[in-house]
Amino acid sequence: FTAMDGIMEYHLSANDPQFQRLAPTKLTIHCARL
């Protein structure tokens, strides 16, 4: 993520294929927004 002048950008994302079924990226975005 980037943060500049109040704006955060979701730039690049990835996950371990072994855990894809648990959708960990959703927790990534949730924690980043908080």
ModelCIF file with pLDDT and N, C-alpha, C, O atoms, coordinates in Angstrom:
data_MODEL
#
_entry.id   MODEL 
#
_entity.id                         1 
_entity.type                       polymer 
_entity.pdbx_number_of_molecules   1 
#
_entity_poly.entity_id                      1 
_entity_poly.type                           'polypeptide(L)' 
_entity_poly.nstd_linkage                   no 
_entity_poly.nstd_monomer                   no 
_entity_poly.pdbx_seq_one_letter_code       FTAMDGIMEYHLSANDPQFQRLAPTKLTIHCARL 
_entity_poly.pdbx_seq_one_letter_code_can   FTAMDGIMEYHLSANDPQFQRLAPTKLTIHCARL 
_entity_poly.pdbx_strand_id                 A 
#
loop_
_entity_poly_seq.entity_id 
_entity_poly_seq.num 
_entity_poly_seq.mon_id 
_entity_poly_seq.hetero 
1 1  PHE n 
1 2  THR n 
1 3  ALA n 
1 4  MET n 
1 5  ASP n 
1 6  GLY n 
1 7  ILE n 
1 8  MET n 
1 9  GLU n 
1 10 TYR n 
1 11 HIS n 
1 12 LEU n 
1 13 SER n 
1 14 ALA n 
1 15 ASN n 
1 16 ASP n 
1 17 PRO n 
1 18 GLN n 
1 19 PHE n 
1 20 GLN n 
1 21 ARG n 
1 22 LEU n 
1 23 ALA n 
1 24 PRO n 
1 25 THR n 
1 26 LYS n 
1 27 LEU n 
1 28 THR n 
1 29 ILE n 
1 30 HIS n 
1 31 CYS n 
1 32 ALA n 
1 33 ARG n 
1 34 LEU n 
#
_struct_asym.id          A 
_struct_asym.entity_id   1 
#
loop_
_ma_qa_metric.id 
_ma_qa_metric.mode 
_ma_qa_metric.name 
_ma_qa_metric.software_group_id 
_ma_qa_metric.type 
1 global pLDDT . pLDDT 
2 local  pLDDT . pLDDT 
#
_ma_qa_metric_global.metric_id      1 
_ma_qa_metric_global.metric_value   95.29 
_ma_qa_metric_global.model_id       1 
_ma_qa_metric_global.ordinal_id     1 
#
loop_
_ma_qa_metric_local.label_asym_id 
_ma_qa_metric_local.label_comp_id 
_ma_qa_metric_local.label_seq_id 
_ma_qa_metric_local.metric_id 
_ma_qa_metric_local.metric_value 
_ma_qa_metric_local.model_id 
_ma_qa_metric_local.ordinal_id 
A PHE 1  2 98.00 1 1  
A THR 2  2 98.00 1 2  
A ALA 3  2 98.00 1 3  
A MET 4  2 97.00 1 4  
A ASP 5  2 95.00 1 5  
A GLY 6  2 96.00 1 6  
A ILE 7  2 97.00 1 7  
A MET 8  2 98.00 1 8  
A GLU 9  2 98.00 1 9  
A TYR 10 2 97.00 1 10 
A HIS 11 2 96.00 1 11 
A LEU 12 2 95.00 1 12 
A SER 13 2 94.00 1 13 
A ALA 14 2 92.00 1 14 
A ASN 15 2 92.00 1 15 
A ASP 16 2 91.00 1 16 
A PRO 17 2 88.00 1 17 
A GLN 18 2 90.00 1 18 
A PHE 19 2 93.00 1 19 
A GLN 20 2 88.00 1 20 
A ARG 21 2 91.00 1 21 
A LEU 22 2 94.00 1 22 
A ALA 23 2 94.00 1 23 
A PRO 24 2 96.00 1 24 
A THR 25 2 96.00 1 25 
A LYS 26 2 97.00 1 26 
A LEU 27 2 97.00 1 27 
A THR 28 2 97.00 1 28 
A ILE 29 2 98.00 1 29 
A HIS 30 2 98.00 1 30 
A CYS 31 2 97.00 1 31 
A ALA 32 2 98.00 1 32 
A ARG 33 2 98.00 1 33 
A LEU 34 2 98.00 1 34 
#
loop_
_atom_site.group_PDB 
_atom_site.id 
_atom_site.type_symbol 
_atom_site.label_atom_id 
_atom_site.label_alt_id 
_atom_site.label_comp_id 
_atom_site.label_asym_id 
_atom_site.label_entity_id 
_atom_site.label_seq_id 
_atom_site.pdbx_PDB_ins_code 
_atom_site.Cartn_x 
_atom_site.Cartn_y 
_atom_site.Cartn_z 
_atom_site.occupancy 
_atom_site.B_iso_or_equiv 
_atom_site.pdbx_formal_charge 
_atom_site.auth_seq_id 
_atom_site.auth_comp_id 
_atom_site.auth_asym_id 
_atom_site.auth_atom_id 
_atom_site.pdbx_PDB_model_num 
ATOM 1   N N  . PHE A 1 1  ? 0.851   -1.183  0.000  1.00 98.00 ? 1  PHE A N  1 
ATOM 2   C CA . PHE A 1 1  ? 0.000   0.000   0.000  1.00 98.00 ? 1  PHE A CA 1 
ATOM 3   C C  . PHE A 1 1  ? 0.891   1.237   0.000  1.00 98.00 ? 1  PHE A C  1 
ATOM 4   O O  . PHE A 1 1  ? 2.014   1.207   0.503  1.00 98.00 ? 1  PHE A O  1 
ATOM 5   N N  . THR A 1 2  ? 0.382   2.315   -0.564 1.00 98.00 ? 2  THR A N  1 
ATOM 6   C CA . THR A 1 2  ? 1.067   3.592   -0.454 1.00 98.00 ? 2  THR A CA 1 
ATOM 7   C C  . THR A 1 2  ? 0.170   4.555   0.302  1.00 98.00 ? 2  THR A C  1 
ATOM 8   O O  . THR A 1 2  ? -1.044  4.365   0.365  1.00 98.00 ? 2  THR A O  1 
ATOM 9   N N  . ALA A 1 3  ? 0.767   5.581   0.872  1.00 98.00 ? 3  ALA A N  1 
ATOM 10  C CA . ALA A 1 3  ? 0.006   6.600   1.592  1.00 98.00 ? 3  ALA A CA 1 
ATOM 11  C C  . ALA A 1 3  ? 0.647   7.953   1.327  1.00 98.00 ? 3  ALA A C  1 
ATOM 12  O O  . ALA A 1 3  ? 1.798   8.192   1.693  1.00 98.00 ? 3  ALA A O  1 
ATOM 13  N N  . MET A 1 4  ? -0.112  8.834   0.685  1.00 97.00 ? 4  MET A N  1 
ATOM 14  C CA . MET A 1 4  ? 0.426   10.147  0.331  1.00 97.00 ? 4  MET A CA 1 
ATOM 15  C C  . MET A 1 4  ? -0.706  11.162  0.274  1.00 97.00 ? 4  MET A C  1 
ATOM 16  O O  . MET A 1 4  ? -1.724  10.930  -0.378 1.00 97.00 ? 4  MET A O  1 
ATOM 17  N N  . ASP A 1 5  ? -0.529  12.269  0.945  1.00 95.00 ? 5  ASP A N  1 
ATOM 18  C CA . ASP A 1 5  ? -1.539  13.341  0.973  1.00 95.00 ? 5  ASP A CA 1 
ATOM 19  C C  . ASP A 1 5  ? -2.922  12.815  1.345  1.00 95.00 ? 5  ASP A C  1 
ATOM 20  O O  . ASP A 1 5  ? -3.929  13.251  0.787  1.00 95.00 ? 5  ASP A O  1 
ATOM 21  N N  . GLY A 1 6  ? -2.968  11.879  2.285  1.00 96.00 ? 6  GLY A N  1 
ATOM 22  C CA . GLY A 1 6  ? -4.229  11.380  2.789  1.00 96.00 ? 6  GLY A CA 1 
ATOM 23  C C  . GLY A 1 6  ? -4.823  10.230  2.014  1.00 96.00 ? 6  GLY A C  1 
ATOM 24  O O  . GLY A 1 6  ? -5.785  9.610   2.467  1.00 96.00 ? 6  GLY A O  1 
ATOM 25  N N  . ILE A 1 7  ? -4.260  9.926   0.835  1.00 97.00 ? 7  ILE A N  1 
ATOM 26  C CA . ILE A 1 7  ? -4.806  8.871   -0.016 1.00 97.00 ? 7  ILE A CA 1 
ATOM 27  C C  . ILE A 1 7  ? -3.933  7.623   0.067  1.00 97.00 ? 7  ILE A C  1 
ATOM 28  O O  . ILE A 1 7  ? -2.733  7.677   -0.202 1.00 97.00 ? 7  ILE A O  1 
ATOM 29  N N  . MET A 1 8  ? -4.539  6.506   0.438  1.00 98.00 ? 8  MET A N  1 
ATOM 30  C CA . MET A 1 8  ? -3.861  5.222   0.377  1.00 98.00 ? 8  MET A CA 1 
ATOM 31  C C  . MET A 1 8  ? -4.217  4.536   -0.937 1.00 98.00 ? 8  MET A C  1 
ATOM 32  O O  . MET A 1 8  ? -5.351  4.628   -1.406 1.00 98.00 ? 8  MET A O  1 
ATOM 33  N N  . GLU A 1 9  ? -3.245  3.851   -1.524 1.00 98.00 ? 9  GLU A N  1 
ATOM 34  C CA . GLU A 1 9  ? -3.469  3.083   -2.752 1.00 98.00 ? 9  GLU A CA 1 
ATOM 35  C C  . GLU A 1 9  ? -3.139  1.618   -2.492 1.00 98.00 ? 9  GLU A C  1 
ATOM 36  O O  . GLU A 1 9  ? -2.127  1.292   -1.871 1.00 98.00 ? 9  GLU A O  1 
ATOM 37  N N  . TYR A 1 10 ? -4.005  0.754   -2.974 1.00 97.00 ? 10 TYR A N  1 
ATOM 38  C CA . TYR A 1 10 ? -3.806  -0.703  -2.937 1.00 97.00 ? 10 TYR A CA 1 
ATOM 39  C C  . TYR A 1 10 ? -3.021  -1.053  -4.196 1.00 97.00 ? 10 TYR A C  1 
ATOM 40  O O  . TYR A 1 10 ? -3.595  -1.162  -5.279 1.00 97.00 ? 10 TYR A O  1 
ATOM 41  N N  . HIS A 1 11 ? -1.696  -1.231  -4.051 1.00 96.00 ? 11 HIS A N  1 
ATOM 42  C CA . HIS A 1 11 ? -0.824  -1.285  -5.221 1.00 96.00 ? 11 HIS A CA 1 
ATOM 43  C C  . HIS A 1 11 ? -0.673  -2.699  -5.778 1.00 96.00 ? 11 HIS A C  1 
ATOM 44  O O  . HIS A 1 11 ? -1.103  -2.969  -6.900 1.00 96.00 ? 11 HIS A O  1 
ATOM 45  N N  . LEU A 1 12 ? -0.063  -3.606  -5.004 1.00 95.00 ? 12 LEU A N  1 
ATOM 46  C CA . LEU A 1 12 ? 0.160   -4.979  -5.451 1.00 95.00 ? 12 LEU A CA 1 
ATOM 47  C C  . LEU A 1 12 ? -0.219  -5.936  -4.330 1.00 95.00 ? 12 LEU A C  1 
ATOM 48  O O  . LEU A 1 12 ? -0.027  -5.630  -3.153 1.00 95.00 ? 12 LEU A O  1 
ATOM 49  N N  . SER A 1 13 ? -0.763  -7.109  -4.703 1.00 94.00 ? 13 SER A N  1 
ATOM 50  C CA . SER A 1 13 ? -1.252  -8.049  -3.702 1.00 94.00 ? 13 SER A CA 1 
ATOM 51  C C  . SER A 1 13 ? -0.915  -9.477  -4.102 1.00 94.00 ? 13 SER A C  1 
ATOM 52  O O  . SER A 1 13 ? -0.777  -9.780  -5.287 1.00 94.00 ? 13 SER A O  1 
ATOM 53  N N  . ALA A 1 14 ? -0.783  -10.361 -3.105 1.00 92.00 ? 14 ALA A N  1 
ATOM 54  C CA . ALA A 1 14 ? -0.453  -11.760 -3.383 1.00 92.00 ? 14 ALA A CA 1 
ATOM 55  C C  . ALA A 1 14 ? -0.834  -12.616 -2.188 1.00 92.00 ? 14 ALA A C  1 
ATOM 56  O O  . ALA A 1 14 ? -1.020  -12.110 -1.082 1.00 92.00 ? 14 ALA A O  1 
ATOM 57  N N  . ASN A 1 15 ? -0.949  -13.931 -2.425 1.00 92.00 ? 15 ASN A N  1 
ATOM 58  C CA . ASN A 1 15 ? -1.192  -14.853 -1.325 1.00 92.00 ? 15 ASN A CA 1 
ATOM 59  C C  . ASN A 1 15 ? -0.567  -16.205 -1.629 1.00 92.00 ? 15 ASN A C  1 
ATOM 60  O O  . ASN A 1 15 ? -0.284  -16.534 -2.781 1.00 92.00 ? 15 ASN A O  1 
ATOM 61  N N  . ASP A 1 16 ? -0.358  -16.983 -0.568 1.00 91.00 ? 16 ASP A N  1 
ATOM 62  C CA . ASP A 1 16 ? 0.169   -18.332 -0.687 1.00 91.00 ? 16 ASP A CA 1 
ATOM 63  C C  . ASP A 1 16 ? -0.945  -19.233 -1.232 1.00 91.00 ? 16 ASP A C  1 
ATOM 64  O O  . ASP A 1 16 ? -2.015  -19.310 -0.628 1.00 91.00 ? 16 ASP A O  1 
ATOM 65  N N  . PRO A 1 17 ? -0.715  -19.918 -2.365 1.00 88.00 ? 17 PRO A N  1 
ATOM 66  C CA . PRO A 1 17 ? -1.771  -20.764 -2.946 1.00 88.00 ? 17 PRO A CA 1 
ATOM 67  C C  . PRO A 1 17 ? -2.327  -21.801 -1.963 1.00 88.00 ? 17 PRO A C  1 
ATOM 68  O O  . PRO A 1 17 ? -3.488  -22.195 -2.077 1.00 88.00 ? 17 PRO A O  1 
ATOM 69  N N  . GLN A 1 18 ? -1.511  -22.245 -1.000 1.00 90.00 ? 18 GLN A N  1 
ATOM 70  C CA . GLN A 1 18 ? -1.969  -23.252 -0.041 1.00 90.00 ? 18 GLN A CA 1 
ATOM 71  C C  . GLN A 1 18 ? -3.093  -22.729 0.862  1.00 90.00 ? 18 GLN A C  1 
ATOM 72  O O  . GLN A 1 18 ? -3.872  -23.508 1.411  1.00 90.00 ? 18 GLN A O  1 
ATOM 73  N N  . PHE A 1 19 ? -3.167  -21.407 1.007  1.00 93.00 ? 19 PHE A N  1 
ATOM 74  C CA . PHE A 1 19 ? -4.165  -20.815 1.897  1.00 93.00 ? 19 PHE A CA 1 
ATOM 75  C C  . PHE A 1 19 ? -5.228  -20.029 1.137  1.00 93.00 ? 19 PHE A C  1 
ATOM 76  O O  . PHE A 1 19 ? -6.028  -19.322 1.750  1.00 93.00 ? 19 PHE A O  1 
ATOM 77  N N  . GLN A 1 20 ? -5.246  -20.141 -0.164 1.00 88.00 ? 20 GLN A N  1 
ATOM 78  C CA . GLN A 1 20 ? -6.153  -19.332 -0.975 1.00 88.00 ? 20 GLN A CA 1 
ATOM 79  C C  . GLN A 1 20 ? -7.616  -19.558 -0.608 1.00 88.00 ? 20 GLN A C  1 
ATOM 80  O O  . GLN A 1 20 ? -8.412  -18.620 -0.637 1.00 88.00 ? 20 GLN A O  1 
ATOM 81  N N  . ARG A 1 21 ? -7.973  -20.783 -0.267 1.00 91.00 ? 21 ARG A N  1 
ATOM 82  C CA . ARG A 1 21 ? -9.374  -21.097 0.033  1.00 91.00 ? 21 ARG A CA 1 
ATOM 83  C C  . ARG A 1 21 ? -9.883  -20.335 1.254  1.00 91.00 ? 21 ARG A C  1 
ATOM 84  O O  . ARG A 1 21 ? -11.092 -20.157 1.406  1.00 91.00 ? 21 ARG A O  1 
ATOM 85  N N  . LEU A 1 22 ? -8.973  -19.879 2.135  1.00 94.00 ? 22 LEU A N  1 
ATOM 86  C CA . LEU A 1 22 ? -9.375  -19.123 3.315  1.00 94.00 ? 22 LEU A CA 1 
ATOM 87  C C  . LEU A 1 22 ? -9.508  -17.625 3.036  1.00 94.00 ? 22 LEU A C  1 
ATOM 88  O O  . LEU A 1 22 ? -9.929  -16.862 3.905  1.00 94.00 ? 22 LEU A O  1 
ATOM 89  N N  . ALA A 1 23 ? -9.146  -17.207 1.815  1.00 94.00 ? 23 ALA A N  1 
ATOM 90  C CA . ALA A 1 23 ? -9.257  -15.801 1.394  1.00 94.00 ? 23 ALA A CA 1 
ATOM 91  C C  . ALA A 1 23 ? -8.533  -14.839 2.329  1.00 94.00 ? 23 ALA A C  1 
ATOM 92  O O  . ALA A 1 23 ? -9.150  -13.893 2.819  1.00 94.00 ? 23 ALA A O  1 
ATOM 93  N N  . PRO A 1 24 ? -7.234  -15.050 2.594  1.00 96.00 ? 24 PRO A N  1 
ATOM 94  C CA . PRO A 1 24 ? -6.524  -14.166 3.523  1.00 96.00 ? 24 PRO A CA 1 
ATOM 95  C C  . PRO A 1 24 ? -6.362  -12.737 3.022  1.00 96.00 ? 24 PRO A C  1 
ATOM 96  O O  . PRO A 1 24 ? -6.111  -11.830 3.815  1.00 96.00 ? 24 PRO A O  1 
ATOM 97  N N  . THR A 1 25 ? -6.503  -12.522 1.701  1.00 96.00 ? 25 THR A N  1 
ATOM 98  C CA . THR A 1 25 ? -6.394  -11.159 1.181  1.00 96.00 ? 25 THR A CA 1 
ATOM 99  C C  . THR A 1 25 ? -7.472  -10.255 1.764  1.00 96.00 ? 25 THR A C  1 
ATOM 100 O O  . THR A 1 25 ? -7.261  -9.050  1.904  1.00 96.00 ? 25 THR A O  1 
ATOM 101 N N  . LYS A 1 26 ? -8.619  -10.823 2.103  1.00 97.00 ? 26 LYS A N  1 
ATOM 102 C CA . LYS A 1 26 ? -9.689  -10.022 2.701  1.00 97.00 ? 26 LYS A CA 1 
ATOM 103 C C  . LYS A 1 26 ? -9.266  -9.475  4.051  1.00 97.00 ? 26 LYS A C  1 
ATOM 104 O O  . LYS A 1 26 ? -9.605  -8.346  4.405  1.00 97.00 ? 26 LYS A O  1 
ATOM 105 N N  . LEU A 1 27 ? -8.531  -10.269 4.799  1.00 97.00 ? 27 LEU A N  1 
ATOM 106 C CA . LEU A 1 27 ? -8.024  -9.786  6.082  1.00 97.00 ? 27 LEU A CA 1 
ATOM 107 C C  . LEU A 1 27 ? -6.931  -8.741  5.861  1.00 97.00 ? 27 LEU A C  1 
ATOM 108 O O  . LEU A 1 27 ? -6.798  -7.806  6.651  1.00 97.00 ? 27 LEU A O  1 
ATOM 109 N N  . THR A 1 28 ? -6.156  -8.895  4.800  1.00 97.00 ? 28 THR A N  1 
ATOM 110 C CA . THR A 1 28 ? -5.116  -7.902  4.461  1.00 97.00 ? 28 THR A CA 1 
ATOM 111 C C  . THR A 1 28 ? -5.739  -6.532  4.281  1.00 97.00 ? 28 THR A C  1 
ATOM 112 O O  . THR A 1 28 ? -5.301  -5.562  4.899  1.00 97.00 ? 28 THR A O  1 
ATOM 113 N N  . ILE A 1 29 ? -6.759  -6.445  3.439  1.00 98.00 ? 29 ILE A N  1 
ATOM 114 C CA . ILE A 1 29 ? -7.390  -5.154  3.164  1.00 98.00 ? 29 ILE A CA 1 
ATOM 115 C C  . ILE A 1 29 ? -8.084  -4.610  4.403  1.00 98.00 ? 29 ILE A C  1 
ATOM 116 O O  . ILE A 1 29 ? -8.025  -3.411  4.678  1.00 98.00 ? 29 ILE A O  1 
ATOM 117 N N  . HIS A 1 30 ? -8.741  -5.490  5.150  1.00 98.00 ? 30 HIS A N  1 
ATOM 118 C CA . HIS A 1 30 ? -9.431  -5.056  6.361  1.00 98.00 ? 30 HIS A CA 1 
ATOM 119 C C  . HIS A 1 30 ? -8.444  -4.434  7.353  1.00 98.00 ? 30 HIS A C  1 
ATOM 120 O O  . HIS A 1 30 ? -8.695  -3.353  7.885  1.00 98.00 ? 30 HIS A O  1 
ATOM 121 N N  . CYS A 1 31 ? -7.344  -5.103  7.597  1.00 97.00 ? 31 CYS A N  1 
ATOM 122 C CA . CYS A 1 31 ? -6.367  -4.592  8.561  1.00 97.00 ? 31 CYS A CA 1 
ATOM 123 C C  . CYS A 1 31 ? -5.693  -3.325  8.052  1.00 97.00 ? 31 CYS A C  1 
ATOM 124 O O  . CYS A 1 31 ? -5.405  -2.418  8.833  1.00 97.00 ? 31 CYS A O  1 
ATOM 125 N N  . ALA A 1 32 ? -5.439  -3.257  6.739  1.00 98.00 ? 32 ALA A N  1 
ATOM 126 C CA . ALA A 1 32 ? -4.798  -2.065  6.176  1.00 98.00 ? 32 ALA A CA 1 
ATOM 127 C C  . ALA A 1 32 ? -5.708  -0.853  6.293  1.00 98.00 ? 32 ALA A C  1 
ATOM 128 O O  . ALA A 1 32 ? -5.236  0.254   6.551  1.00 98.00 ? 32 ALA A O  1 
ATOM 129 N N  . ARG A 1 33 ? -7.023  -1.054  6.103  1.00 98.00 ? 33 ARG A N  1 
ATOM 130 C CA . ARG A 1 33 ? -7.918  0.102   6.187  1.00 98.00 ? 33 ARG A CA 1 
ATOM 131 C C  . ARG A 1 33 ? -8.035  0.611   7.624  1.00 98.00 ? 33 ARG A C  1 
ATOM 132 O O  . ARG A 1 33 ? -8.135  1.818   7.845  1.00 98.00 ? 33 ARG A O  1 
ATOM 133 N N  . LEU A 1 34 ? -8.022  -0.295  8.596  1.00 98.00 ? 34 LEU A N  1 
ATOM 134 C CA . LEU A 1 34 ? -8.057  0.145   9.991  1.00 98.00 ? 34 LEU A CA 1 
ATOM 135 C C  . LEU A 1 34 ? -6.764  0.859   10.360 1.00 98.00 ? 34 LEU A C  1 
ATOM 136 O O  . LEU A 1 34 ? -6.606  1.303   11.497 1.00 98.00 ? 34 LEU A O  1 
#
